[in-house]
Each structure stands twice: as structure tokens, then as C-alpha cells.
N, C-alpha and C. Protein backbone atom coordinates (compact mmCIF):
# COMPACT_ATOMS: atom_id res chain seq x y z
N MET A 1 -4.43 -8.05 12.57
CA MET A 1 -4.79 -6.73 13.05
C MET A 1 -6.29 -6.56 12.87
N GLN A 2 -7.05 -6.76 13.91
CA GLN A 2 -8.48 -6.55 13.86
C GLN A 2 -8.78 -5.11 14.24
N LEU A 3 -9.49 -4.43 13.38
CA LEU A 3 -9.87 -3.04 13.63
C LEU A 3 -11.39 -2.99 13.75
N SER A 4 -11.88 -2.29 14.74
CA SER A 4 -13.32 -2.23 14.94
C SER A 4 -13.98 -1.43 13.83
N LEU A 5 -15.29 -1.62 13.68
CA LEU A 5 -16.03 -0.88 12.66
C LEU A 5 -16.01 0.62 12.93
N GLU A 6 -15.75 1.00 14.18
CA GLU A 6 -15.71 2.42 14.51
C GLU A 6 -14.43 3.08 13.98
N SER A 7 -13.43 2.29 13.67
CA SER A 7 -12.18 2.85 13.15
C SER A 7 -12.43 3.50 11.81
N SER A 8 -11.99 4.71 11.67
CA SER A 8 -12.18 5.39 10.39
C SER A 8 -11.12 4.93 9.40
N LEU A 9 -11.46 5.01 8.14
CA LEU A 9 -10.48 4.66 7.11
C LEU A 9 -9.28 5.58 7.18
N ASP A 10 -9.50 6.83 7.50
CA ASP A 10 -8.37 7.76 7.59
C ASP A 10 -7.35 7.27 8.62
N LYS A 11 -7.82 6.86 9.77
CA LYS A 11 -6.92 6.36 10.81
C LYS A 11 -6.16 5.12 10.33
N VAL A 12 -6.86 4.20 9.71
CA VAL A 12 -6.23 2.97 9.22
C VAL A 12 -5.23 3.29 8.11
N ALA A 13 -5.63 4.12 7.16
CA ALA A 13 -4.74 4.44 6.03
C ALA A 13 -3.50 5.19 6.48
N GLN A 14 -3.59 5.94 7.56
CA GLN A 14 -2.41 6.66 8.07
C GLN A 14 -1.43 5.71 8.76
N THR A 15 -1.87 4.51 9.16
CA THR A 15 -0.95 3.53 9.75
C THR A 15 -0.28 2.66 8.69
N PHE A 16 -0.82 2.67 7.49
CA PHE A 16 -0.30 1.88 6.37
C PHE A 16 1.19 2.16 6.11
N PRO A 17 1.64 3.43 6.03
CA PRO A 17 3.06 3.69 5.74
C PRO A 17 4.02 3.12 6.78
N LYS A 18 3.61 3.05 8.04
CA LYS A 18 4.51 2.53 9.08
C LYS A 18 4.87 1.08 8.82
N ALA A 19 3.94 0.29 8.34
CA ALA A 19 4.24 -1.12 8.04
C ALA A 19 5.34 -1.22 6.99
N PHE A 20 5.31 -0.33 6.00
CA PHE A 20 6.34 -0.33 4.97
C PHE A 20 7.67 0.18 5.52
N ALA A 21 7.62 1.21 6.34
CA ALA A 21 8.85 1.75 6.94
C ALA A 21 9.52 0.70 7.82
N ASP A 22 8.71 -0.11 8.50
CA ASP A 22 9.23 -1.15 9.37
C ASP A 22 9.59 -2.43 8.61
N LYS A 23 9.30 -2.47 7.32
CA LYS A 23 9.49 -3.68 6.49
C LYS A 23 8.77 -4.88 7.13
N ASP A 24 7.59 -4.62 7.66
CA ASP A 24 6.81 -5.63 8.37
C ASP A 24 5.81 -6.26 7.40
N ILE A 25 6.24 -7.31 6.74
CA ILE A 25 5.42 -7.95 5.71
C ILE A 25 4.11 -8.46 6.28
N ASP A 26 4.12 -9.01 7.49
CA ASP A 26 2.87 -9.49 8.08
C ASP A 26 1.86 -8.36 8.23
N ARG A 27 2.31 -7.20 8.71
CA ARG A 27 1.39 -6.05 8.84
C ARG A 27 0.95 -5.54 7.49
N ILE A 28 1.86 -5.49 6.51
CA ILE A 28 1.47 -5.06 5.16
C ILE A 28 0.35 -5.95 4.65
N ILE A 29 0.54 -7.25 4.73
CA ILE A 29 -0.44 -8.19 4.21
C ILE A 29 -1.74 -8.16 5.01
N ASP A 30 -1.68 -7.83 6.29
CA ASP A 30 -2.91 -7.71 7.09
C ASP A 30 -3.85 -6.64 6.55
N PHE A 31 -3.32 -5.65 5.85
CA PHE A 31 -4.17 -4.62 5.26
C PHE A 31 -4.95 -5.14 4.05
N PHE A 32 -4.48 -6.23 3.44
CA PHE A 32 -5.06 -6.73 2.20
C PHE A 32 -6.22 -7.68 2.45
N ALA A 33 -7.25 -7.57 1.62
CA ALA A 33 -8.35 -8.54 1.62
C ALA A 33 -7.82 -9.86 1.05
N ASP A 34 -8.49 -10.95 1.38
CA ASP A 34 -8.06 -12.26 0.86
C ASP A 34 -8.01 -12.27 -0.66
N ASP A 35 -8.93 -11.55 -1.30
CA ASP A 35 -9.03 -11.54 -2.76
C ASP A 35 -8.45 -10.26 -3.38
N VAL A 36 -7.52 -9.61 -2.70
CA VAL A 36 -6.91 -8.38 -3.19
C VAL A 36 -6.31 -8.55 -4.59
N ILE A 37 -6.39 -7.50 -5.36
CA ILE A 37 -5.74 -7.45 -6.68
C ILE A 37 -4.79 -6.26 -6.64
N ALA A 38 -3.50 -6.53 -6.86
CA ALA A 38 -2.49 -5.46 -6.80
C ALA A 38 -1.74 -5.40 -8.12
N MET A 39 -1.53 -4.18 -8.59
CA MET A 39 -0.74 -3.96 -9.81
C MET A 39 0.48 -3.15 -9.41
N TYR A 40 1.65 -3.77 -9.57
CA TYR A 40 2.90 -3.15 -9.17
C TYR A 40 3.67 -2.68 -10.40
N PRO A 41 4.48 -1.64 -10.25
CA PRO A 41 5.28 -1.14 -11.37
C PRO A 41 6.17 -2.25 -11.94
N GLY A 42 6.19 -2.34 -13.25
CA GLY A 42 7.04 -3.32 -13.92
C GLY A 42 6.45 -4.70 -14.04
N TRP A 43 5.32 -4.94 -13.44
CA TRP A 43 4.66 -6.24 -13.54
C TRP A 43 3.66 -6.18 -14.69
N SER A 44 3.65 -7.20 -15.52
CA SER A 44 2.73 -7.19 -16.65
C SER A 44 1.34 -7.69 -16.26
N LEU A 45 1.24 -8.43 -15.17
CA LEU A 45 -0.04 -8.96 -14.71
C LEU A 45 -0.27 -8.57 -13.26
N PRO A 46 -1.52 -8.46 -12.85
CA PRO A 46 -1.80 -8.16 -11.45
C PRO A 46 -1.41 -9.34 -10.55
N VAL A 47 -1.15 -9.03 -9.30
CA VAL A 47 -0.86 -10.04 -8.27
C VAL A 47 -2.16 -10.19 -7.47
N THR A 48 -2.69 -11.40 -7.44
CA THR A 48 -4.00 -11.64 -6.85
C THR A 48 -3.90 -12.51 -5.60
N GLY A 49 -4.54 -12.06 -4.54
CA GLY A 49 -4.60 -12.83 -3.30
C GLY A 49 -3.48 -12.49 -2.33
N LYS A 50 -3.74 -12.79 -1.06
CA LYS A 50 -2.78 -12.48 -0.01
C LYS A 50 -1.47 -13.26 -0.17
N ALA A 51 -1.56 -14.54 -0.46
CA ALA A 51 -0.34 -15.36 -0.54
C ALA A 51 0.59 -14.87 -1.63
N ALA A 52 0.05 -14.56 -2.80
CA ALA A 52 0.89 -14.07 -3.91
C ALA A 52 1.47 -12.70 -3.59
N ASN A 53 0.70 -11.84 -2.92
CA ASN A 53 1.21 -10.53 -2.54
C ASN A 53 2.27 -10.64 -1.45
N ARG A 54 2.10 -11.57 -0.52
CA ARG A 54 3.14 -11.81 0.49
C ARG A 54 4.45 -12.19 -0.20
N GLU A 55 4.37 -13.11 -1.14
CA GLU A 55 5.57 -13.54 -1.87
C GLU A 55 6.21 -12.37 -2.62
N ALA A 56 5.38 -11.51 -3.21
CA ALA A 56 5.91 -10.34 -3.92
C ALA A 56 6.69 -9.44 -2.98
N TRP A 57 6.16 -9.20 -1.76
CA TRP A 57 6.85 -8.33 -0.80
C TRP A 57 8.08 -8.99 -0.20
N VAL A 58 8.03 -10.29 0.03
CA VAL A 58 9.23 -11.00 0.50
C VAL A 58 10.34 -10.85 -0.53
N ASN A 59 10.02 -11.05 -1.80
CA ASN A 59 11.02 -10.91 -2.88
C ASN A 59 11.51 -9.47 -2.99
N TYR A 60 10.60 -8.51 -2.84
CA TYR A 60 11.00 -7.11 -2.93
C TYR A 60 12.01 -6.76 -1.85
N TYR A 61 11.68 -7.09 -0.59
CA TYR A 61 12.57 -6.72 0.51
C TYR A 61 13.86 -7.54 0.51
N ALA A 62 13.90 -8.66 -0.18
CA ALA A 62 15.15 -9.42 -0.31
C ALA A 62 16.14 -8.65 -1.20
N ARG A 63 15.62 -7.78 -2.08
CA ARG A 63 16.46 -7.02 -3.01
C ARG A 63 16.58 -5.54 -2.64
N ASN A 64 15.70 -5.04 -1.81
CA ASN A 64 15.65 -3.61 -1.49
C ASN A 64 15.58 -3.42 0.02
N ARG A 65 16.28 -2.43 0.50
CA ARG A 65 16.30 -2.21 1.95
C ARG A 65 15.14 -1.37 2.44
N THR A 66 14.55 -0.53 1.60
CA THR A 66 13.45 0.33 2.04
C THR A 66 12.35 0.40 0.98
N HIS A 67 11.24 0.91 1.40
CA HIS A 67 10.13 1.19 0.49
C HIS A 67 9.22 2.21 1.16
N PRO A 68 9.70 3.45 1.30
CA PRO A 68 8.86 4.43 1.98
C PRO A 68 7.62 4.78 1.16
N ILE A 69 6.52 4.98 1.87
CA ILE A 69 5.29 5.45 1.23
C ILE A 69 4.66 6.53 2.12
N SER A 70 3.76 7.28 1.53
CA SER A 70 2.99 8.26 2.29
C SER A 70 1.52 8.04 1.97
N THR A 71 0.66 8.48 2.88
CA THR A 71 -0.76 8.55 2.60
C THR A 71 -1.10 10.03 2.54
N ASP A 72 -1.40 10.51 1.33
CA ASP A 72 -1.61 11.94 1.12
C ASP A 72 -3.07 12.36 1.18
N SER A 73 -3.99 11.46 0.84
CA SER A 73 -5.41 11.79 0.95
C SER A 73 -6.22 10.52 1.13
N VAL A 74 -7.35 10.68 1.81
CA VAL A 74 -8.26 9.57 2.06
C VAL A 74 -9.68 10.08 1.84
N VAL A 75 -10.47 9.31 1.12
CA VAL A 75 -11.87 9.66 0.86
C VAL A 75 -12.72 8.44 1.20
N VAL A 76 -13.79 8.67 1.95
CA VAL A 76 -14.71 7.60 2.32
C VAL A 76 -16.08 7.91 1.73
N ALA A 77 -16.71 6.90 1.15
CA ALA A 77 -18.06 7.07 0.59
C ALA A 77 -19.06 7.36 1.71
N ALA A 78 -20.15 8.00 1.37
CA ALA A 78 -21.19 8.31 2.35
C ALA A 78 -21.71 7.04 3.03
N SER A 79 -21.67 5.93 2.35
CA SER A 79 -22.12 4.66 2.92
C SER A 79 -21.18 4.15 4.01
N ASN A 80 -19.98 4.72 4.09
CA ASN A 80 -18.96 4.36 5.08
C ASN A 80 -18.53 2.90 5.00
N ASP A 81 -18.64 2.30 3.79
CA ASP A 81 -18.17 0.92 3.64
C ASP A 81 -17.16 0.75 2.51
N VAL A 82 -16.83 1.84 1.84
CA VAL A 82 -15.83 1.81 0.77
C VAL A 82 -15.15 3.17 0.73
N GLY A 83 -13.90 3.17 0.34
CA GLY A 83 -13.17 4.42 0.24
C GLY A 83 -11.87 4.20 -0.52
N HIS A 84 -11.10 5.28 -0.66
CA HIS A 84 -9.80 5.12 -1.31
C HIS A 84 -8.77 6.03 -0.64
N SER A 85 -7.52 5.60 -0.74
CA SER A 85 -6.41 6.43 -0.29
C SER A 85 -5.46 6.61 -1.46
N PHE A 86 -4.72 7.69 -1.40
CA PHE A 86 -3.84 8.08 -2.49
C PHE A 86 -2.54 8.56 -1.85
N GLY A 87 -1.41 8.18 -2.42
CA GLY A 87 -0.15 8.62 -1.84
C GLY A 87 1.03 8.42 -2.77
N ARG A 88 2.21 8.64 -2.21
CA ARG A 88 3.46 8.48 -2.95
C ARG A 88 4.22 7.28 -2.42
N TRP A 89 5.09 6.73 -3.22
CA TRP A 89 5.98 5.64 -2.81
C TRP A 89 7.33 5.87 -3.46
N ALA A 90 8.33 5.22 -2.93
CA ALA A 90 9.68 5.32 -3.50
C ALA A 90 10.45 4.03 -3.19
N THR A 91 11.46 3.76 -3.97
CA THR A 91 12.31 2.60 -3.71
C THR A 91 13.51 2.97 -2.87
N SER A 92 13.59 4.21 -2.46
CA SER A 92 14.68 4.67 -1.62
C SER A 92 14.22 5.89 -0.83
N GLU A 93 14.88 6.13 0.28
CA GLU A 93 14.56 7.32 1.06
C GLU A 93 15.27 8.56 0.54
N THR A 94 16.21 8.36 -0.37
CA THR A 94 16.94 9.49 -0.95
C THR A 94 16.99 9.32 -2.46
N ASN A 95 17.42 10.35 -3.14
CA ASN A 95 17.50 10.32 -4.60
C ASN A 95 18.81 9.68 -5.04
N GLU A 96 18.95 8.39 -4.76
CA GLU A 96 20.17 7.67 -5.12
C GLU A 96 20.04 7.08 -6.53
N PRO A 97 21.16 6.75 -7.17
CA PRO A 97 21.10 6.18 -8.53
C PRO A 97 20.21 4.94 -8.58
N GLY A 98 19.37 4.88 -9.57
CA GLY A 98 18.49 3.74 -9.77
C GLY A 98 17.19 3.79 -8.99
N ALA A 99 17.06 4.74 -8.07
CA ALA A 99 15.83 4.85 -7.29
C ALA A 99 14.71 5.41 -8.16
N VAL A 100 13.52 4.90 -7.96
CA VAL A 100 12.34 5.40 -8.67
C VAL A 100 11.25 5.68 -7.65
N ALA A 101 10.27 6.45 -8.08
CA ALA A 101 9.16 6.80 -7.20
C ALA A 101 7.90 6.99 -8.03
N GLY A 102 6.79 7.06 -7.35
CA GLY A 102 5.54 7.24 -8.07
C GLY A 102 4.38 7.46 -7.14
N ARG A 103 3.20 7.15 -7.64
CA ARG A 103 1.95 7.32 -6.90
C ARG A 103 1.26 5.96 -6.80
N TYR A 104 0.45 5.84 -5.76
CA TYR A 104 -0.38 4.65 -5.62
C TYR A 104 -1.79 5.09 -5.24
N THR A 105 -2.73 4.25 -5.54
CA THR A 105 -4.08 4.41 -5.02
C THR A 105 -4.53 3.05 -4.49
N ALA A 106 -5.21 3.08 -3.38
CA ALA A 106 -5.74 1.86 -2.77
C ALA A 106 -7.24 2.02 -2.61
N ILE A 107 -7.98 1.02 -3.05
CA ILE A 107 -9.42 0.98 -2.85
C ILE A 107 -9.66 0.08 -1.63
N TRP A 108 -10.33 0.64 -0.63
CA TRP A 108 -10.58 -0.05 0.63
C TRP A 108 -12.07 -0.40 0.74
N GLN A 109 -12.33 -1.52 1.40
CA GLN A 109 -13.71 -1.92 1.67
C GLN A 109 -13.77 -2.50 3.08
N ARG A 110 -14.88 -2.27 3.75
CA ARG A 110 -15.07 -2.91 5.05
C ARG A 110 -15.41 -4.37 4.79
N LYS A 111 -14.55 -5.25 5.25
CA LYS A 111 -14.75 -6.69 5.11
C LYS A 111 -14.30 -7.35 6.41
N ASN A 112 -15.02 -8.35 6.84
CA ASN A 112 -14.63 -9.09 8.04
C ASN A 112 -14.36 -8.17 9.22
N GLN A 113 -15.21 -7.18 9.40
CA GLN A 113 -15.13 -6.25 10.53
C GLN A 113 -13.90 -5.34 10.51
N GLN A 114 -13.29 -5.14 9.34
CA GLN A 114 -12.14 -4.24 9.27
C GLN A 114 -12.03 -3.64 7.87
N TRP A 115 -11.31 -2.52 7.79
CA TRP A 115 -11.00 -1.94 6.48
C TRP A 115 -9.91 -2.78 5.84
N GLN A 116 -10.13 -3.19 4.58
CA GLN A 116 -9.14 -3.99 3.85
C GLN A 116 -8.98 -3.44 2.44
N ILE A 117 -7.77 -3.53 1.92
CA ILE A 117 -7.51 -3.11 0.55
C ILE A 117 -7.98 -4.21 -0.38
N VAL A 118 -8.84 -3.84 -1.34
CA VAL A 118 -9.32 -4.80 -2.33
C VAL A 118 -8.63 -4.59 -3.67
N VAL A 119 -8.16 -3.37 -3.94
CA VAL A 119 -7.41 -3.07 -5.16
C VAL A 119 -6.29 -2.10 -4.79
N LEU A 120 -5.08 -2.42 -5.23
CA LEU A 120 -3.93 -1.55 -5.04
C LEU A 120 -3.27 -1.37 -6.39
N SER A 121 -3.03 -0.14 -6.77
CA SER A 121 -2.38 0.14 -8.05
C SER A 121 -1.28 1.17 -7.84
N ALA A 122 -0.07 0.82 -8.23
CA ALA A 122 1.08 1.73 -8.08
C ALA A 122 1.77 1.87 -9.43
N HIS A 123 2.17 3.10 -9.74
CA HIS A 123 2.82 3.38 -11.01
C HIS A 123 3.97 4.34 -10.81
N VAL A 124 5.01 4.19 -11.61
CA VAL A 124 6.15 5.10 -11.58
C VAL A 124 5.72 6.41 -12.23
N HIS A 125 6.13 7.52 -11.62
CA HIS A 125 5.91 8.84 -12.18
C HIS A 125 7.25 9.55 -12.20
N GLU A 126 7.72 9.89 -13.38
CA GLU A 126 9.02 10.52 -13.54
C GLU A 126 9.13 11.86 -12.81
N ASP A 127 8.00 12.53 -12.58
CA ASP A 127 8.06 13.85 -11.93
C ASP A 127 8.14 13.75 -10.41
N ILE A 128 8.10 12.54 -9.86
CA ILE A 128 8.22 12.37 -8.42
C ILE A 128 9.60 11.75 -8.14
N ALA A 129 10.42 12.51 -7.46
CA ALA A 129 11.74 12.00 -7.09
C ALA A 129 11.64 11.24 -5.77
N PRO A 130 12.51 10.26 -5.56
CA PRO A 130 12.53 9.62 -4.23
C PRO A 130 12.70 10.71 -3.16
N PHE A 131 12.08 10.49 -2.05
CA PHE A 131 12.00 11.52 -1.03
C PHE A 131 12.26 10.93 0.32
N SER A 132 12.47 11.78 1.27
CA SER A 132 12.74 11.34 2.63
C SER A 132 11.48 11.52 3.48
N PHE A 133 11.25 10.59 4.36
CA PHE A 133 10.07 10.63 5.23
C PHE A 133 10.48 10.96 6.65
């Protein structure tokens, strides 16, 4: 997915949830920089690089049918080359037994002529119930 430099981070970050809703691992990974560092709930160490993150999502979707997320806010630096998005995620679209939810933040940077996630951090928050999108 090549995005022109004119594409705003807000536009790109708003397309991020659709890749998760579609369970499209290729599109999810396309958002990540080659050297991305991701911290997922329950993992003791970060997952580094596209290949390792692809494997993490393949394993996740092998055990889970959904992973809805939202993009709730996007902020871009005045330099227009770095920004962050903030949102919610859940392991289910409904409040079913065993489902958990939380917040994530993604740090984006313009790299290789596109916005790419360089750091992704997601954590469980007990006050956020799984929700429907």
C-alpha cells in the first residue's frame, strides 16, 4: 500500500481499523515500518520487525475470529513527518466471556514515501468493555 506524501496521517490512521475488521494480515503489516517495535498485551517482550509481527497476527487470528479496533484521535507534529494515533481495541465485538479490551497508541513516521507505524503499544484496560463497531 503506497500512500503519497500528500496523504494525511488522519486519513491513513482512519483506514487502519478496516484492516483489522477484515482480518487482512497483509494490510495490517503494510502499516508497519520494517523496524517496527510492538508491545502486545500479555507479551513480556516487544515484537520487533515486520516478519515477527506478521507471525504474531497469524497466530492471533488462528485462535480468535475478530479483533475490532477504533482510531479515536490523531495528532501530527508541525514538521508533518511524525505523529501518533490513539484508540480502543477488543478481542470480541461483544462482551462475551473471556473477551478483553483496552487502548493502543501508535507512533507513526513518514518513511519510504508513506506513513508507517514505528512503535505500537497496546494494553488491557479493565474499564473498557468489548464493544461493537
